[in-house]
Amino acid sequence: MKNSLNILFVMLTIAVGPQAIAQVNPSTNARTPVNVSSEHDLTRAEVKADLAVWKRAGMDRFWNKSVTPDIYSREYKMAQAEYLRMRNGPEYQEELQRLQQ
């Protein structure tokens, strides 16, 4: 009986020990936040150019203050594809140059 209690104690210690240590020192368990910005901070002109292209693609009509858009709808996907095309195309660069003048 004493031997089985010792085995049970060792098994519980092995099973629960790491969890107890993680709770005592949560800083070692916490993830470091991922830096979501790109390699450089965006300028005001870059943000404004992106917003202009986003609106020109029609993305703004899907966003209402109180309602999240249906991101799976055909219309939303088409507008998003148009935004991405414009954002990665000459439209964004032209808008950025216009704003930087």
PDB file of N, CA and C in Angstrom:
ATOM      1  N   MET A   1       0.817  -1.196   0.000  1.00  0.00           N
ATOM      2  CA  MET A   1       0.000   0.000   0.000  1.00  0.00           C
ATOM      3  C   MET A   1       0.866   1.267   0.000  1.00  0.00           C
ATOM      4  N   LYS A   2       1.901   1.258   0.853  1.00  0.00           N
ATOM      5  CA  LYS A   2       2.779   2.414   0.937  1.00  0.00           C
ATOM      6  C   LYS A   2       3.497   2.633  -0.395  1.00  0.00           C
ATOM      7  N   ASN A   3       3.895   1.565  -1.034  1.00  0.00           N
ATOM      8  CA  ASN A   3       4.582   1.650  -2.310  1.00  0.00           C
ATOM      9  C   ASN A   3       3.662   2.232  -3.384  1.00  0.00           C
ATOM     10  N   SER A   4       2.394   1.834  -3.419  1.00  0.00           N
ATOM     11  CA  SER A   4       1.454   2.354  -4.415  1.00  0.00           C
ATOM     12  C   SER A   4       1.155   3.827  -4.172  1.00  0.00           C
ATOM     13  N   LEU A   5       1.139   4.257  -2.914  1.00  0.00           N
ATOM     14  CA  LEU A   5       0.939   5.679  -2.616  1.00  0.00           C
ATOM     15  C   LEU A   5       2.136   6.506  -3.090  1.00  0.00           C
ATOM     16  N   ASN A   6       3.325   5.979  -2.925  1.00  0.00           N
ATOM     17  CA  ASN A   6       4.527   6.671  -3.408  1.00  0.00           C
ATOM     18  C   ASN A   6       4.500   6.796  -4.930  1.00  0.00           C
ATOM     19  N   ILE A   7       4.089   5.738  -5.602  1.00  0.00           N
ATOM     20  CA  ILE A   7       3.994   5.768  -7.065  1.00  0.00           C
ATOM     21  C   ILE A   7       2.952   6.791  -7.499  1.00  0.00           C
ATOM     22  N   LEU A   8       1.801   6.808  -6.823  1.00  0.00           N
ATOM     23  CA  LEU A   8       0.747   7.774  -7.139  1.00  0.00           C
ATOM     24  C   LEU A   8       1.254   9.204  -6.931  1.00  0.00           C
ATOM     25  N   PHE A   9       1.978   9.437  -5.832  1.00  0.00           N
ATOM     26  CA  PHE A   9       2.519  10.766  -5.562  1.00  0.00           C
ATOM     27  C   PHE A   9       3.499  11.203  -6.656  1.00  0.00           C
ATOM     28  N   VAL A  10       4.376  10.321  -7.068  1.00  0.00           N
ATOM     29  CA  VAL A  10       5.345  10.633  -8.119  1.00  0.00           C
ATOM     30  C   VAL A  10       4.630  10.926  -9.428  1.00  0.00           C
ATOM     31  N   MET A  11       3.617  10.138  -9.760  1.00  0.00           N
ATOM     32  CA  MET A  11       2.869  10.356 -11.008  1.00  0.00           C
ATOM     33  C   MET A  11       2.144  11.699 -10.988  1.00  0.00           C
ATOM     34  N   LEU A  12       1.536  12.040  -9.854  1.00  0.00           N
ATOM     35  CA  LEU A  12       0.854  13.333  -9.742  1.00  0.00           C
ATOM     36  C   LEU A  12       1.850  14.487  -9.836  1.00  0.00           C
ATOM     37  N   THR A  13       2.998  14.331  -9.222  1.00  0.00           N
ATOM     38  CA  THR A  13       4.024  15.369  -9.281  1.00  0.00           C
ATOM     39  C   THR A  13       4.492  15.587 -10.713  1.00  0.00           C
ATOM     40  N   ILE A  14       4.692  14.508 -11.430  1.00  0.00           N
ATOM     41  CA  ILE A  14       5.121  14.613 -12.825  1.00  0.00           C
ATOM     42  C   ILE A  14       4.031  15.247 -13.678  1.00  0.00           C
ATOM     43  N   ALA A  15       2.773  14.879 -13.417  1.00  0.00           N
ATOM     44  CA  ALA A  15       1.666  15.381 -14.231  1.00  0.00           C
ATOM     45  C   ALA A  15       1.335  16.839 -13.931  1.00  0.00           C
ATOM     46  N   VAL A  16       1.347  17.211 -12.671  1.00  0.00           N
ATOM     47  CA  VAL A  16       0.881  18.539 -12.272  1.00  0.00           C
ATOM     48  C   VAL A  16       2.032  19.532 -12.086  1.00  0.00           C
ATOM     49  N   GLY A  17       3.222  19.076 -11.884  1.00  0.00           N
ATOM     50  CA  GLY A  17       4.365  19.941 -11.609  1.00  0.00           C
ATOM     51  C   GLY A  17       4.594  21.038 -12.626  1.00  0.00           C
ATOM     52  N   PRO A  18       4.702  20.711 -13.912  1.00  0.00           N
ATOM     53  CA  PRO A  18       4.943  21.768 -14.908  1.00  0.00           C
ATOM     54  C   PRO A  18       3.841  22.825 -14.950  1.00  0.00           C
ATOM     55  N   GLN A  19       2.593  22.406 -14.770  1.00  0.00           N
ATOM     56  CA  GLN A  19       1.483  23.360 -14.770  1.00  0.00           C
ATOM     57  C   GLN A  19       1.588  24.304 -13.579  1.00  0.00           C
ATOM     58  N   ALA A  20       1.937  23.772 -12.425  1.00  0.00           N
ATOM     59  CA  ALA A  20       2.079  24.602 -11.229  1.00  0.00           C
ATOM     60  C   ALA A  20       3.207  25.609 -11.401  1.00  0.00           C
ATOM     61  N   ILE A  21       4.302  25.186 -11.977  1.00  0.00           N
ATOM     62  CA  ILE A  21       5.433  26.091 -12.206  1.00  0.00           C
ATOM     63  C   ILE A  21       5.047  27.195 -13.185  1.00  0.00           C
ATOM     64  N   ALA A  22       4.309  26.845 -14.223  1.00  0.00           N
ATOM     65  CA  ALA A  22       3.885  27.846 -15.206  1.00  0.00           C
ATOM     66  C   ALA A  22       2.963  28.878 -14.585  1.00  0.00           C
ATOM     67  N   GLN A  23       2.125  28.462 -13.641  1.00  0.00           N
ATOM     68  CA  GLN A  23       1.218  29.404 -12.991  1.00  0.00           C
ATOM     69  C   GLN A  23       1.954  30.310 -12.013  1.00  0.00           C
ATOM     70  N   VAL A  24       2.994  29.801 -11.387  1.00  0.00           N
ATOM     71  CA  VAL A  24       3.759  30.603 -10.439  1.00  0.00           C
ATOM     72  C   VAL A  24       4.543  31.689 -11.152  1.00  0.00           C
ATOM     73  N   ASN A  25       5.102  31.378 -12.305  1.00  0.00           N
ATOM     74  CA  ASN A  25       5.925  32.320 -13.051  1.00  0.00           C
ATOM     75  C   ASN A  25       5.362  32.482 -14.464  1.00  0.00           C
ATOM     76  N   PRO A  26       4.264  33.239 -14.626  1.00  0.00           N
ATOM     77  CA  PRO A  26       3.640  33.346 -15.943  1.00  0.00           C
ATOM     78  C   PRO A  26       4.479  34.090 -16.973  1.00  0.00           C
ATOM     79  N   SER A  27       5.438  34.914 -16.541  1.00  0.00           N
ATOM     80  CA  SER A  27       6.228  35.671 -17.514  1.00  0.00           C
ATOM     81  C   SER A  27       7.077  34.762 -18.393  1.00  0.00           C
ATOM     82  N   THR A  28       7.482  33.623 -17.873  1.00  0.00           N
ATOM     83  CA  THR A  28       8.255  32.701 -18.703  1.00  0.00           C
ATOM     84  C   THR A  28       7.364  31.958 -19.677  1.00  0.00           C
ATOM     85  N   ASN A  29       6.077  31.945 -19.382  1.00  0.00           N
ATOM     86  CA  ASN A  29       5.126  31.227 -20.223  1.00  0.00           C
ATOM     87  C   ASN A  29       4.498  32.146 -21.266  1.00  0.00           C
ATOM     88  N   ALA A  30       4.543  33.444 -21.027  1.00  0.00           N
ATOM     89  CA  ALA A  30       3.867  34.388 -21.919  1.00  0.00           C
ATOM     90  C   ALA A  30       4.602  34.508 -23.242  1.00  0.00           C
ATOM     91  N   ARG A  31       3.831  34.670 -24.276  1.00  0.00           N
ATOM     92  CA  ARG A  31       4.425  34.878 -25.598  1.00  0.00           C
ATOM     93  C   ARG A  31       4.788  36.340 -25.775  1.00  0.00           C
ATOM     94  N   THR A  32       5.850  36.571 -26.469  1.00  0.00           N
ATOM     95  CA  THR A  32       6.238  37.924 -26.814  1.00  0.00           C
ATOM     96  C   THR A  32       5.358  38.383 -27.960  1.00  0.00           C
ATOM     97  N   PRO A  33       4.756  39.570 -27.869  1.00  0.00           N
ATOM     98  CA  PRO A  33       3.889  40.030 -28.957  1.00  0.00           C
ATOM     99  C   PRO A  33       4.652  40.121 -30.273  1.00  0.00           C
ATOM    100  N   VAL A  34       3.985  39.744 -31.311  1.00  0.00           N
ATOM    101  CA  VAL A  34       4.583  39.795 -32.639  1.00  0.00           C
ATOM    102  C   VAL A  34       4.494  41.221 -33.146  1.00  0.00           C
ATOM    103  N   ASN A  35       5.557  41.718 -33.718  1.00  0.00           N
ATOM    104  CA  ASN A  35       5.561  43.051 -34.294  1.00  0.00           C
ATOM    105  C   ASN A  35       4.788  43.001 -35.604  1.00  0.00           C
ATOM    106  N   VAL A  36       3.620  43.632 -35.632  1.00  0.00           N
ATOM    107  CA  VAL A  36       2.769  43.560 -36.811  1.00  0.00           C
ATOM    108  C   VAL A  36       3.129  44.598 -37.865  1.00  0.00           C
ATOM    109  N   SER A  37       3.957  45.541 -37.516  1.00  0.00           N
ATOM    110  CA  SER A  37       4.322  46.540 -38.516  1.00  0.00           C
ATOM    111  C   SER A  37       5.358  45.968 -39.468  1.00  0.00           C
ATOM    112  N   SER A  38       5.458  46.608 -40.597  1.00  0.00           N
ATOM    113  CA  SER A  38       6.442  46.163 -41.578  1.00  0.00           C
ATOM    114  C   SER A  38       7.830  46.609 -41.133  1.00  0.00           C
ATOM    115  N   GLU A  39       8.782  46.483 -42.013  1.00  0.00           N
ATOM    116  CA  GLU A  39      10.152  46.830 -41.652  1.00  0.00           C
ATOM    117  C   GLU A  39      10.315  48.315 -41.343  1.00  0.00           C
ATOM    118  N   HIS A  40       9.425  49.135 -41.851  1.00  0.00           N
ATOM    119  CA  HIS A  40       9.476  50.557 -41.526  1.00  0.00           C
ATOM    120  C   HIS A  40       8.065  51.023 -41.177  1.00  0.00           C
ATOM    121  N   ASP A  41       8.001  52.078 -40.386  1.00  0.00           N
ATOM    122  CA  ASP A  41       6.701  52.645 -40.059  1.00  0.00           C
ATOM    123  C   ASP A  41       6.139  53.326 -41.293  1.00  0.00           C
ATOM    124  N   LEU A  42       4.828  53.241 -41.446  1.00  0.00           N
ATOM    125  CA  LEU A  42       4.184  53.862 -42.601  1.00  0.00           C
ATOM    126  C   LEU A  42       4.136  55.373 -42.423  1.00  0.00           C
ATOM    127  N   THR A  43       4.304  56.075 -43.505  1.00  0.00           N
ATOM    128  CA  THR A  43       4.170  57.526 -43.474  1.00  0.00           C
ATOM    129  C   THR A  43       2.691  57.881 -43.572  1.00  0.00           C
ATOM    130  N   ARG A  44       2.388  59.106 -43.273  1.00  0.00           N
ATOM    131  CA  ARG A  44       1.007  59.580 -43.385  1.00  0.00           C
ATOM    132  C   ARG A  44       0.518  59.456 -44.825  1.00  0.00           C
ATOM    133  N   ALA A  45       1.378  59.771 -45.777  1.00  0.00           N
ATOM    134  CA  ALA A  45       1.004  59.682 -47.195  1.00  0.00           C
ATOM    135  C   ALA A  45       0.703  58.239 -47.593  1.00  0.00           C
ATOM    136  N   GLU A  46       1.476  57.287 -47.079  1.00  0.00           N
ATOM    137  CA  GLU A  46       1.235  55.879 -47.404  1.00  0.00           C
ATOM    138  C   GLU A  46      -0.108  55.405 -46.863  1.00  0.00           C
ATOM    139  N   VAL A  47      -0.427  55.827 -45.652  1.00  0.00           N
ATOM    140  CA  VAL A  47      -1.711  55.448 -45.054  1.00  0.00           C
ATOM    141  C   VAL A  47      -2.862  56.074 -45.834  1.00  0.00           C
ATOM    142  N   LYS A  48      -2.728  57.351 -46.178  1.00  0.00           N
ATOM    143  CA  LYS A  48      -3.787  58.028 -46.930  1.00  0.00           C
ATOM    144  C   LYS A  48      -3.944  57.445 -48.329  1.00  0.00           C
ATOM    145  N   ALA A  49      -2.851  57.070 -48.962  1.00  0.00           N
ATOM    146  CA  ALA A  49      -2.919  56.452 -50.292  1.00  0.00           C
ATOM    147  C   ALA A  49      -3.607  55.097 -50.212  1.00  0.00           C
ATOM    148  N   ASP A  50      -3.288  54.333 -49.190  1.00  0.00           N
ATOM    149  CA  ASP A  50      -3.919  53.028 -49.003  1.00  0.00           C
ATOM    150  C   ASP A  50      -5.420  53.188 -48.772  1.00  0.00           C
ATOM    151  N   LEU A  51      -5.798  54.149 -47.949  1.00  0.00           N
ATOM    152  CA  LEU A  51      -7.215  54.396 -47.690  1.00  0.00           C
ATOM    153  C   LEU A  51      -7.943  54.824 -48.959  1.00  0.00           C
ATOM    154  N   ALA A  52      -7.321  55.669 -49.754  1.00  0.00           N
ATOM    155  CA  ALA A  52      -7.945  56.123 -51.001  1.00  0.00           C
ATOM    156  C   ALA A  52      -8.175  54.954 -51.957  1.00  0.00           C
ATOM    157  N   VAL A  53      -7.192  54.073 -52.069  1.00  0.00           N
ATOM    158  CA  VAL A  53      -7.329  52.904 -52.947  1.00  0.00           C
ATOM    159  C   VAL A  53      -8.392  51.960 -52.396  1.00  0.00           C
ATOM    160  N   TRP A  54      -8.422  51.797 -51.083  1.00  0.00           N
ATOM    161  CA  TRP A  54      -9.417  50.945 -50.420  1.00  0.00           C
ATOM    162  C   TRP A  54     -10.829  51.443 -50.721  1.00  0.00           C
ATOM    163  N   LYS A  55     -11.011  52.765 -50.626  1.00  0.00           N
ATOM    164  CA  LYS A  55     -12.325  53.347 -50.926  1.00  0.00           C
ATOM    165  C   LYS A  55     -12.654  53.237 -52.407  1.00  0.00           C
ATOM    166  N   ARG A  56     -11.675  53.491 -53.267  1.00  0.00           N
ATOM    167  CA  ARG A  56     -11.891  53.411 -54.708  1.00  0.00           C
ATOM    168  C   ARG A  56     -12.286  51.999 -55.142  1.00  0.00           C
ATOM    169  N   ALA A  57     -11.789  51.005 -54.437  1.00  0.00           N
ATOM    170  CA  ALA A  57     -12.133  49.614 -54.751  1.00  0.00           C
ATOM    171  C   ALA A  57     -13.529  49.254 -54.256  1.00  0.00           C
ATOM    172  N   GLY A  58     -14.124  50.124 -53.434  1.00  0.00           N
ATOM    173  CA  GLY A  58     -15.479  49.886 -52.947  1.00  0.00           C
ATOM    174  C   GLY A  58     -15.555  49.162 -51.619  1.00  0.00           C
ATOM    175  N   MET A  59     -14.437  49.034 -50.939  1.00  0.00           N
ATOM    176  CA  MET A  59     -14.433  48.312 -49.667  1.00  0.00           C
ATOM    177  C   MET A  59     -15.199  49.058 -48.577  1.00  0.00           C
ATOM    178  N   ASP A  60     -15.239  50.371 -48.667  1.00  0.00           N
ATOM    179  CA  ASP A  60     -15.898  51.152 -47.621  1.00  0.00           C
ATOM    180  C   ASP A  60     -17.395  50.909 -47.544  1.00  0.00           C
ATOM    181  N   ARG A  61     -18.017  50.509 -48.623  1.00  0.00           N
ATOM    182  CA  ARG A  61     -19.470  50.313 -48.587  1.00  0.00           C
ATOM    183  C   ARG A  61     -19.871  49.083 -47.770  1.00  0.00           C
ATOM    184  N   PHE A  62     -18.906  48.225 -47.452  1.00  0.00           N
ATOM    185  CA  PHE A  62     -19.208  47.032 -46.668  1.00  0.00           C
ATOM    186  C   PHE A  62     -19.066  47.255 -45.172  1.00  0.00           C
ATOM    187  N   TRP A  63     -18.468  48.363 -44.782  1.00  0.00           N
ATOM    188  CA  TRP A  63     -18.208  48.585 -43.365  1.00  0.00           C
ATOM    189  C   TRP A  63     -19.171  49.601 -42.786  1.00  0.00           C
ATOM    190  N   ASN A  64     -19.930  49.148 -41.812  1.00  0.00           N
ATOM    191  CA  ASN A  64     -20.839  49.971 -41.042  1.00  0.00           C
ATOM    192  C   ASN A  64     -20.336  49.906 -39.604  1.00  0.00           C
ATOM    193  N   LYS A  65     -20.531  50.938 -38.848  1.00  0.00           N
ATOM    194  CA  LYS A  65     -20.006  50.964 -37.485  1.00  0.00           C
ATOM    195  C   LYS A  65     -20.483  49.790 -36.635  1.00  0.00           C
ATOM    196  N   SER A  66     -21.709  49.365 -36.835  1.00  0.00           N
ATOM    197  CA  SER A  66     -22.267  48.343 -35.952  1.00  0.00           C
ATOM    198  C   SER A  66     -22.337  46.949 -36.561  1.00  0.00           C
ATOM    199  N   VAL A  67     -22.046  46.813 -37.843  1.00  0.00           N
ATOM    200  CA  VAL A  67     -22.197  45.518 -38.497  1.00  0.00           C
ATOM    201  C   VAL A  67     -20.891  45.122 -39.187  1.00  0.00           C
ATOM    202  N   THR A  68     -20.444  43.921 -38.903  1.00  0.00           N
ATOM    203  CA  THR A  68     -19.268  43.382 -39.590  1.00  0.00           C
ATOM    204  C   THR A  68     -19.714  42.872 -40.952  1.00  0.00           C
ATOM    205  N   PRO A  69     -18.947  43.124 -41.997  1.00  0.00           N
ATOM    206  CA  PRO A  69     -19.384  42.703 -43.334  1.00  0.00           C
ATOM    207  C   PRO A  69     -19.355  41.188 -43.507  1.00  0.00           C
ATOM    208  N   ASP A  70     -20.134  40.735 -44.466  1.00  0.00           N
ATOM    209  CA  ASP A  70     -20.124  39.320 -44.833  1.00  0.00           C
ATOM    210  C   ASP A  70     -18.914  39.104 -45.730  1.00  0.00           C
ATOM    211  N   ILE A  71     -17.830  38.678 -45.134  1.00  0.00           N
ATOM    212  CA  ILE A  71     -16.584  38.545 -45.887  1.00  0.00           C
ATOM    213  C   ILE A  71     -16.605  37.371 -46.852  1.00  0.00           C
ATOM    214  N   TYR A  72     -17.645  36.570 -46.791  1.00  0.00           N
ATOM    215  CA  TYR A  72     -17.756  35.417 -47.689  1.00  0.00           C
ATOM    216  C   TYR A  72     -18.660  35.700 -48.886  1.00  0.00           C
ATOM    217  N   SER A  73     -19.267  36.881 -48.907  1.00  0.00           N
ATOM    218  CA  SER A  73     -20.159  37.197 -50.024  1.00  0.00           C
ATOM    219  C   SER A  73     -19.355  37.429 -51.300  1.00  0.00           C
ATOM    220  N   ARG A  74     -19.999  37.194 -52.406  1.00  0.00           N
ATOM    221  CA  ARG A  74     -19.359  37.368 -53.716  1.00  0.00           C
ATOM    222  C   ARG A  74     -18.933  38.822 -53.925  1.00  0.00           C
ATOM    223  N   GLU A  75     -19.798  39.755 -53.535  1.00  0.00           N
ATOM    224  CA  GLU A  75     -19.520  41.177 -53.725  1.00  0.00           C
ATOM    225  C   GLU A  75     -18.304  41.621 -52.913  1.00  0.00           C
ATOM    226  N   TYR A  76     -18.236  41.157 -51.670  1.00  0.00           N
ATOM    227  CA  TYR A  76     -17.100  41.523 -50.824  1.00  0.00           C
ATOM    228  C   TYR A  76     -15.802  40.972 -51.400  1.00  0.00           C
ATOM    229  N   LYS A  77     -15.825  39.722 -51.800  1.00  0.00           N
ATOM    230  CA  LYS A  77     -14.623  39.099 -52.358  1.00  0.00           C
ATOM    231  C   LYS A  77     -14.165  39.803 -53.629  1.00  0.00           C
ATOM    232  N   MET A  78     -15.120  40.246 -54.449  1.00  0.00           N
ATOM    233  CA  MET A  78     -14.758  40.966 -55.674  1.00  0.00           C
ATOM    234  C   MET A  78     -14.122  42.312 -55.337  1.00  0.00           C
ATOM    235  N   ALA A  79     -14.711  43.024 -54.369  1.00  0.00           N
ATOM    236  CA  ALA A  79     -14.155  44.318 -53.967  1.00  0.00           C
ATOM    237  C   ALA A  79     -12.779  44.139 -53.329  1.00  0.00           C
ATOM    238  N   GLN A  80     -12.621  43.104 -52.544  1.00  0.00           N
ATOM    239  CA  GLN A  80     -11.326  42.850 -51.918  1.00  0.00           C
ATOM    240  C   GLN A  80     -10.265  42.521 -52.970  1.00  0.00           C
ATOM    241  N   ALA A  81     -10.640  41.731 -53.957  1.00  0.00           N
ATOM    242  CA  ALA A  81      -9.698  41.401 -55.033  1.00  0.00           C
ATOM    243  C   ALA A  81      -9.303  42.662 -55.799  1.00  0.00           C
ATOM    244  N   GLU A  82     -10.277  43.537 -56.030  1.00  0.00           N
ATOM    245  CA  GLU A  82      -9.988  44.796 -56.720  1.00  0.00           C
ATOM    246  C   GLU A  82      -9.074  45.675 -55.871  1.00  0.00           C
ATOM    247  N   TYR A  83      -9.328  45.722 -54.564  1.00  0.00           N
ATOM    248  CA  TYR A  83      -8.460  46.491 -53.668  1.00  0.00           C
ATOM    249  C   TYR A  83      -7.026  45.958 -53.713  1.00  0.00           C
ATOM    250  N   LEU A  84      -6.872  44.649 -53.608  1.00  0.00           N
ATOM    251  CA  LEU A  84      -5.530  44.060 -53.633  1.00  0.00           C
ATOM    252  C   LEU A  84      -4.833  44.313 -54.963  1.00  0.00           C
ATOM    253  N   ARG A  85      -5.589  44.241 -56.051  1.00  0.00           N
ATOM    254  CA  ARG A  85      -5.012  44.524 -57.365  1.00  0.00           C
ATOM    255  C   ARG A  85      -4.521  45.966 -57.423  1.00  0.00           C
ATOM    256  N   MET A  86      -5.370  46.896 -56.972  1.00  0.00           N
ATOM    257  CA  MET A  86      -5.008  48.310 -56.997  1.00  0.00           C
ATOM    258  C   MET A  86      -3.879  48.621 -56.008  1.00  0.00           C
ATOM    259  N   ARG A  87      -3.924  47.988 -54.858  1.00  0.00           N
ATOM    260  CA  ARG A  87      -2.913  48.241 -53.823  1.00  0.00           C
ATOM    261  C   ARG A  87      -1.533  47.792 -54.285  1.00  0.00           C
ATOM    262  N   ASN A  88      -1.485  46.726 -55.052  1.00  0.00           N
ATOM    263  CA  ASN A  88      -0.207  46.208 -55.544  1.00  0.00           C
ATOM    264  C   ASN A  88       0.112  46.685 -56.957  1.00  0.00           C
ATOM    265  N   GLY A  89      -0.731  47.535 -57.484  1.00  0.00           N
ATOM    266  CA  GLY A  89      -0.541  48.012 -58.846  1.00  0.00           C
ATOM    267  C   GLY A  89      -0.151  49.474 -58.900  1.00  0.00           C
ATOM    268  N   PRO A  90      -0.234  50.045 -60.074  1.00  0.00           N
ATOM    269  CA  PRO A  90       0.191  51.439 -60.255  1.00  0.00           C
ATOM    270  C   PRO A  90      -0.745  52.449 -59.585  1.00  0.00           C
ATOM    271  N   GLU A  91      -1.984  52.066 -59.332  1.00  0.00           N
ATOM    272  CA  GLU A  91      -2.936  53.005 -58.723  1.00  0.00           C
ATOM    273  C   GLU A  91      -2.442  53.504 -57.365  1.00  0.00           C
ATOM    274  N   TYR A  92      -1.929  52.592 -56.557  1.00  0.00           N
ATOM    275  CA  TYR A  92      -1.415  52.973 -55.240  1.00  0.00           C
ATOM    276  C   TYR A  92      -0.210  53.897 -55.385  1.00  0.00           C
ATOM    277  N   GLN A  93       0.705  53.540 -56.259  1.00  0.00           N
ATOM    278  CA  GLN A  93       1.907  54.355 -56.448  1.00  0.00           C
ATOM    279  C   GLN A  93       1.550  55.754 -56.952  1.00  0.00           C
ATOM    280  N   GLU A  94       0.582  55.835 -57.862  1.00  0.00           N
ATOM    281  CA  GLU A  94       0.151  57.141 -58.380  1.00  0.00           C
ATOM    282  C   GLU A  94      -0.466  57.982 -57.274  1.00  0.00           C
ATOM    283  N   GLU A  95      -1.300  57.359 -56.453  1.00  0.00           N
ATOM    284  CA  GLU A  95      -1.929  58.079 -55.342  1.00  0.00           C
ATOM    285  C   GLU A  95      -0.874  58.526 -54.337  1.00  0.00           C
ATOM    286  N   LEU A  96       0.087  57.691 -54.067  1.00  0.00           N
ATOM    287  CA  LEU A  96       1.157  58.033 -53.136  1.00  0.00           C
ATOM    288  C   LEU A  96       1.976  59.209 -53.659  1.00  0.00           C
ATOM    289  N   GLN A  97       2.307  59.192 -54.925  1.00  0.00           N
ATOM    290  CA  GLN A  97       3.061  60.307 -55.516  1.00  0.00           C
ATOM    291  C   GLN A  97       2.251  61.594 -55.468  1.00  0.00           C
ATOM    292  N   ARG A  98       0.960  61.494 -55.733  1.00  0.00           N
ATOM    293  CA  ARG A  98       0.093  62.672 -55.697  1.00  0.00           C
ATOM    294  C   ARG A  98       0.078  63.277 -54.295  1.00  0.00           C
ATOM    295  N   LEU A  99       0.021  62.430 -53.276  1.00  0.00           N
ATOM    296  CA  LEU A  99      -0.034  62.920 -51.899  1.00  0.00           C
ATOM    297  C   LEU A  99       1.309  63.460 -51.409  1.00  0.00           C
ATOM    298  N   GLN A 100       2.386  62.998 -51.971  1.00  0.00           N
ATOM    299  CA  GLN A 100       3.709  63.443 -51.532  1.00  0.00           C
ATOM    300  C   GLN A 100       4.138  64.748 -52.188  1.00  0.00           C
ATOM    301  N   GLN A 101       3.415  65.226 -53.162  1.00  0.00           N
ATOM    302  CA  GLN A 101       3.776  66.480 -53.844  1.00  0.00           C
ATOM    303  C   GLN A 101       3.365  67.680 -53.045  1.00  0.00           C
TER     304      GLN A 101
END
